[in-house]
Amino acid sequence: MAWRPTHVLMEGELDNTNPGKVMGWMRFAGMTNIVTFDLKGDFHRDIRGAKIHLAGEGRPDDPDAAKYMEGFAEHQTGTVGDITAGLPPCDYTRGLPYIEWYGEANGRVVIELDASQVQAIGQPIPWIESFPVSRQEQQANMARFLCDVAQAVNLPANQAVCVSEQSQAAQEVPVTAAAGQRRGMPLLTKELLRQLPPLGAQEAKGPEAIAPVKFFTPDNSWTWYAVSYSPEDGTFFGLVDGQFKELGYFTLAELETARGPLGMPIERDLHWQPRTLREIAPELFSGG
């Protein structure tokens, strides 16, 4: 449901010293020029009024970076989403950095980093002197983005009304260029490949087999839990929770090309903690 270039971010800096504006730059693998920012809005209270420096793990020699970043605008304009370093008072993400904006060219963009990768520069406004970021405004931002997505997949305008959860205000927004410029995240990383055992390696464990990875569709309830993987042909074995729950095979190519009812690509659960099949679906194993 968002463009997630975390894995190709090399370095960046965002500046909120001018109230109501976020300026700055980022350097991404796969892009020749730096990306500049001119966004409306403010950081969260932990870093409001300061600058932040971002240290990514993107590599200039990443062979897939250019393809992933194709179409990403070199000048990002739009609205600030949730931008926090995860410092007290932790109004958002429970102590984790989170960088989000709604760009006019590329829609919703999210970068999630570790605390060690974000450094605050300068003195933020004392948090007690500021109000938290309005959740109502952020829900309206998301509603407008979802309207773009719905209209981009040719959902009729009279069916593409998105509602902000708190305000209950319908959002009727024209299609923007960002609607056709969405990107999903990379479904597998080198670290995940190290965690996924080869096909058959967990067969003897039965319901105690561990699923290191979870994939899901943001716009419906389908979910895939992978317990093993073959890099040779891109085949997973695991639990599929769709129309009903079953164990079986699915492929990386299928996950990368599949789309939900609103046209959204499949994503990987970034907060997933490995669990056994019995923990995920105890009803499948209740009879032994």
Protein backbone atom coordinates (compact mmCIF):
# COMPACT_ATOMS: atom_id res chain seq x y z
CA MET A 1 0.00 0.00 0.00
CA ALA A 2 3.03 2.25 -0.20
CA TRP A 3 6.29 2.75 -2.04
CA ARG A 4 8.92 1.41 0.44
CA PRO A 5 12.48 2.30 -0.63
CA THR A 6 14.10 1.54 2.74
CA HIS A 7 16.39 -1.10 1.25
CA VAL A 8 17.82 1.35 -1.33
CA LEU A 9 18.19 4.40 0.93
CA MET A 10 21.85 5.37 1.26
CA GLU A 11 21.71 8.63 3.18
CA GLY A 12 19.51 11.65 3.73
CA GLU A 13 18.57 14.66 5.78
CA LEU A 14 15.18 16.20 6.55
CA ASP A 15 14.74 19.66 8.06
CA ASN A 16 11.72 20.88 10.06
CA THR A 17 13.32 24.02 11.52
CA ASN A 18 10.84 26.08 9.47
CA PRO A 19 7.41 25.40 11.07
CA GLY A 20 4.90 23.83 8.72
CA LYS A 21 7.53 22.72 6.20
CA VAL A 22 9.89 19.77 5.78
CA MET A 23 12.78 20.30 3.38
CA GLY A 24 15.78 18.11 2.66
CA TRP A 25 17.34 15.48 0.46
CA MET A 26 17.93 11.73 0.16
CA ARG A 27 20.30 9.63 -1.87
CA PHE A 28 19.03 6.29 -3.17
CA ALA A 29 20.83 3.43 -4.87
CA GLY A 30 19.66 3.17 -8.46
CA MET A 31 19.25 6.95 -8.89
CA THR A 32 21.94 9.19 -10.35
CA ASN A 33 20.75 12.41 -8.73
CA ILE A 34 19.76 13.11 -5.15
CA VAL A 35 16.06 13.41 -4.31
CA THR A 36 15.02 16.77 -2.85
CA PHE A 37 12.03 17.50 -0.60
CA ASP A 38 9.56 20.35 -0.18
CA LEU A 39 6.68 19.03 1.94
CA LYS A 40 3.92 20.67 3.94
CA GLY A 41 3.64 19.64 7.59
CA ASP A 42 5.71 18.94 10.68
CA PHE A 43 7.63 16.16 12.40
CA HIS A 44 6.20 14.45 15.46
CA ARG A 45 6.84 16.14 18.81
CA ASP A 46 10.02 14.18 19.56
CA ILE A 47 11.94 15.96 16.77
CA ARG A 48 9.69 18.88 15.78
CA GLY A 49 11.71 21.96 14.96
CA ALA A 50 14.95 20.01 14.39
CA LYS A 51 16.74 18.21 11.57
CA ILE A 52 17.29 14.46 11.24
CA HIS A 53 20.06 12.61 9.46
CA LEU A 54 19.23 9.21 7.96
CA ALA A 55 21.83 6.49 7.40
CA GLY A 56 20.57 3.78 5.08
CA GLU A 57 22.02 0.45 3.98
CA GLY A 58 21.50 0.88 0.24
CA ARG A 59 24.48 -0.01 -1.95
CA PRO A 60 25.44 1.77 -5.19
CA ASP A 61 26.17 -1.61 -6.79
CA ASP A 62 22.71 -3.05 -6.06
CA PRO A 63 21.72 -4.56 -9.45
CA ASP A 64 17.98 -4.31 -8.76
CA ALA A 65 17.88 -0.77 -7.37
CA ALA A 66 17.46 1.09 -10.65
CA LYS A 67 14.47 -1.01 -11.65
CA TYR A 68 12.84 -0.60 -8.24
CA MET A 69 13.30 3.19 -8.23
CA GLU A 70 12.15 3.67 -11.82
CA GLY A 71 9.61 6.48 -11.91
CA PHE A 72 10.53 7.91 -8.49
CA ALA A 73 10.45 11.70 -8.71
CA GLU A 74 13.70 13.56 -8.04
CA HIS A 75 11.76 16.38 -6.38
CA GLN A 76 9.20 15.25 -3.82
CA THR A 77 6.36 17.65 -3.09
CA GLY A 78 3.23 16.91 -1.11
CA THR A 79 2.26 16.39 2.52
CA VAL A 80 4.14 15.06 5.53
CA GLY A 81 2.73 11.87 6.98
CA ASP A 82 4.16 10.49 10.22
CA ILE A 83 7.84 11.40 10.65
CA THR A 84 9.38 10.46 13.99
CA ALA A 85 12.71 9.29 15.38
CA GLY A 86 10.86 7.16 17.91
CA LEU A 87 12.03 9.27 20.86
CA PRO A 88 9.91 10.23 23.90
CA PRO A 89 7.06 11.06 24.15
CA CYS A 90 6.62 8.33 21.49
CA ASP A 91 3.30 9.50 20.05
CA TYR A 92 3.70 6.96 17.25
CA THR A 93 5.31 3.54 16.49
CA ARG A 94 6.33 2.74 20.08
CA GLY A 95 9.86 4.00 19.97
CA LEU A 96 10.76 3.14 16.38
CA PRO A 97 11.75 5.63 13.63
CA TYR A 98 9.16 6.04 10.90
CA ILE A 99 9.45 8.29 7.84
CA GLU A 100 6.26 8.76 5.79
CA TRP A 101 5.01 11.27 3.26
CA TYR A 102 2.27 11.57 0.65
CA GLY A 103 3.92 12.75 -2.55
CA GLU A 104 2.15 14.34 -5.49
CA ALA A 105 4.18 12.21 -7.91
CA ASN A 106 4.52 8.88 -6.12
CA GLY A 107 1.73 8.64 -3.58
CA ARG A 108 2.43 7.27 -0.11
CA VAL A 109 6.11 6.58 0.65
CA VAL A 110 7.33 4.85 3.82
CA ILE A 111 10.87 4.35 5.15
CA GLU A 112 11.36 2.29 8.33
CA LEU A 113 14.77 2.37 10.01
CA ASP A 114 16.41 1.26 13.24
CA ALA A 115 16.99 3.81 15.99
CA SER A 116 20.73 3.71 15.28
CA GLN A 117 20.09 4.94 11.72
CA VAL A 118 18.37 8.20 12.68
CA GLN A 119 20.21 11.09 14.34
CA ALA A 120 18.49 14.27 15.53
CA ILE A 121 20.42 17.47 14.75
CA GLY A 122 19.75 20.63 16.69
CA GLN A 123 17.34 21.24 19.55
CA PRO A 124 13.70 20.21 18.97
CA ILE A 125 10.88 22.31 20.35
CA PRO A 126 10.15 21.03 23.89
CA TRP A 127 7.49 18.40 23.32
CA ILE A 128 5.35 19.69 26.15
CA GLU A 129 4.92 22.93 24.17
CA SER A 130 3.52 21.18 21.08
CA PHE A 131 0.41 19.23 20.23
CA PRO A 132 0.62 15.66 18.88
CA VAL A 133 0.21 15.18 15.14
CA SER A 134 -3.51 15.09 14.39
CA ARG A 135 -4.65 11.51 13.78
CA GLN A 136 -7.74 12.92 12.05
CA GLU A 137 -5.55 14.72 9.51
CA GLN A 138 -3.43 11.63 8.97
CA GLN A 139 -6.51 9.50 8.40
CA ALA A 140 -7.71 12.07 5.87
CA ASN A 141 -4.33 11.81 4.10
CA MET A 142 -4.74 8.04 3.92
CA ALA A 143 -8.32 8.38 2.72
CA ARG A 144 -7.25 10.65 -0.13
CA PHE A 145 -4.49 8.21 -1.07
CA LEU A 146 -6.94 5.27 -1.11
CA CYS A 147 -9.27 7.28 -3.33
CA ASP A 148 -6.41 7.68 -5.81
CA VAL A 149 -5.73 3.94 -5.69
CA ALA A 150 -9.38 3.04 -6.19
CA GLN A 151 -9.79 5.38 -9.15
CA ALA A 152 -6.49 4.22 -10.68
CA VAL A 153 -7.88 0.69 -10.96
CA ASN A 154 -11.03 2.07 -12.61
CA LEU A 155 -13.32 1.67 -9.63
CA PRO A 156 -16.35 3.81 -10.53
CA ALA A 157 -16.27 7.24 -8.91
CA ASN A 158 -19.55 6.59 -7.08
CA GLN A 159 -17.91 3.56 -5.45
CA ALA A 160 -14.60 5.26 -4.64
CA VAL A 161 -15.60 7.20 -1.55
CA CYS A 162 -13.06 6.82 1.25
CA VAL A 163 -13.98 7.72 4.79
CA SER A 164 -11.72 9.04 7.53
CA GLU A 165 -12.17 6.81 10.57
CA GLN A 166 -12.59 9.56 13.16
CA SER A 167 -14.14 12.36 11.18
CA GLN A 168 -16.45 10.13 9.11
CA ALA A 169 -15.99 12.70 6.34
CA ALA A 170 -16.16 11.35 2.81
CA GLN A 171 -13.12 12.17 0.70
CA GLU A 172 -13.81 12.92 -2.96
CA VAL A 173 -10.43 13.51 -4.56
CA PRO A 174 -9.44 13.64 -8.24
CA VAL A 175 -6.94 11.12 -9.58
CA THR A 176 -3.34 12.31 -9.34
CA ALA A 177 -0.20 11.19 -11.13
CA ALA A 178 0.74 9.19 -8.05
CA ALA A 179 -2.11 6.76 -8.63
CA GLY A 180 -0.21 5.02 -11.37
CA GLN A 181 3.16 5.22 -9.60
CA ARG A 182 2.75 2.77 -6.71
CA ARG A 183 5.44 0.33 -5.66
CA GLY A 184 5.32 -2.62 -3.32
CA MET A 185 8.21 -3.64 -1.13
CA PRO A 186 10.81 -6.30 -2.04
CA LEU A 187 9.25 -9.52 -0.77
CA LEU A 188 12.57 -11.21 0.00
CA THR A 189 15.86 -9.85 1.31
CA LYS A 190 19.23 -11.52 1.76
CA GLU A 191 18.59 -11.77 5.48
CA LEU A 192 15.28 -13.55 4.92
CA LEU A 193 16.92 -15.94 2.47
CA ARG A 194 19.31 -16.92 5.24
CA GLN A 195 16.38 -17.54 7.59
CA LEU A 196 14.30 -19.63 5.19
CA PRO A 197 15.40 -23.29 5.15
CA PRO A 198 15.32 -25.25 1.88
CA LEU A 199 12.19 -27.09 0.80
CA GLY A 200 11.59 -30.18 2.93
CA ALA A 201 13.99 -29.16 5.69
CA GLN A 202 11.17 -28.68 8.23
CA GLU A 203 8.94 -31.50 7.03
CA ALA A 204 9.68 -33.73 10.04
CA LYS A 205 8.65 -30.95 12.44
CA GLY A 206 5.03 -31.03 11.28
CA PRO A 207 3.00 -28.41 13.17
CA GLU A 208 6.15 -27.25 14.96
CA ALA A 209 7.67 -26.02 11.69
CA ILE A 210 8.54 -22.32 12.02
CA ALA A 211 7.36 -19.66 9.56
CA PRO A 212 10.00 -16.89 9.38
CA VAL A 213 8.06 -14.84 6.82
CA LYS A 214 4.48 -13.61 6.44
CA PHE A 215 3.02 -12.04 3.27
CA PHE A 216 -0.41 -10.41 2.98
CA THR A 217 -2.67 -8.43 0.68
CA PRO A 218 -3.46 -4.98 2.17
CA ASP A 219 -6.89 -4.80 0.57
CA ASN A 220 -8.30 -8.22 1.49
CA SER A 221 -7.66 -11.05 3.95
CA TRP A 222 -5.36 -13.40 2.01
CA THR A 223 -2.18 -14.30 3.91
CA TRP A 224 0.82 -16.56 3.20
CA TYR A 225 3.19 -17.97 5.86
CA ALA A 226 6.41 -19.40 4.38
CA VAL A 227 8.30 -22.17 6.23
CA SER A 228 10.75 -23.12 3.47
CA TYR A 229 11.94 -21.89 0.09
CA SER A 230 13.78 -23.02 -3.04
CA PRO A 231 15.87 -20.18 -4.55
CA GLU A 232 16.36 -22.24 -7.71
CA ASP A 233 12.74 -22.00 -8.86
CA GLY A 234 11.30 -19.48 -6.38
CA THR A 235 8.93 -21.96 -4.70
CA PHE A 236 7.73 -21.65 -1.11
CA PHE A 237 6.05 -24.21 1.11
CA GLY A 238 3.85 -23.00 3.93
CA LEU A 239 0.39 -22.11 5.13
CA VAL A 240 -2.03 -20.25 2.87
CA ASP A 241 -4.94 -18.50 4.56
CA GLY A 242 -7.39 -17.49 1.84
CA GLN A 243 -10.84 -18.85 1.22
CA PHE A 244 -9.81 -21.49 3.78
CA LYS A 245 -6.56 -22.48 5.49
CA GLU A 246 -4.35 -25.12 3.91
CA LEU A 247 -0.73 -26.19 3.63
CA GLY A 248 0.78 -26.07 0.17
CA TYR A 249 3.18 -24.58 -2.34
CA PHE A 250 3.21 -21.05 -3.77
CA THR A 251 5.80 -19.12 -5.76
CA LEU A 252 7.59 -15.80 -5.45
CA ALA A 253 6.51 -14.93 -9.01
CA GLU A 254 2.85 -15.40 -8.04
CA LEU A 255 3.22 -13.13 -5.01
CA GLU A 256 5.04 -10.44 -7.00
CA THR A 257 2.42 -10.30 -9.77
CA ALA A 258 -0.78 -10.85 -7.78
CA ARG A 259 -2.97 -7.88 -6.92
CA GLY A 260 -5.85 -7.49 -4.50
CA PRO A 261 -9.31 -6.21 -5.43
CA LEU A 262 -8.12 -2.57 -5.31
CA GLY A 263 -5.02 -3.33 -7.35
CA MET A 264 -2.64 -3.27 -4.38
CA PRO A 265 0.47 -5.48 -4.47
CA ILE A 266 1.22 -8.10 -1.86
CA GLU A 267 3.41 -6.91 1.02
CA ARG A 268 5.62 -8.53 3.63
CA ASP A 269 4.73 -8.07 7.30
CA LEU A 270 7.67 -6.03 8.59
CA HIS A 271 6.70 -6.64 12.21
CA TRP A 272 6.22 -10.40 11.94
CA GLN A 273 7.92 -12.54 14.58
CA PRO A 274 8.56 -16.19 13.56
CA ARG A 275 5.91 -18.56 14.86
CA THR A 276 5.10 -22.25 14.47
CA LEU A 277 2.32 -23.48 12.24
CA ARG A 278 0.51 -24.71 15.34
CA GLU A 279 0.59 -21.20 16.81
CA ILE A 280 -0.64 -19.66 13.55
CA ALA A 281 -3.47 -22.11 12.86
CA PRO A 282 -4.10 -24.37 15.90
CA GLU A 283 -7.40 -25.55 14.43
CA LEU A 284 -5.55 -27.38 11.64
CA PHE A 285 -3.73 -29.56 14.12
CA SER A 286 -6.29 -30.00 16.87
CA GLY A 287 -6.85 -33.62 15.83
CA GLY A 288 -3.15 -34.47 15.99
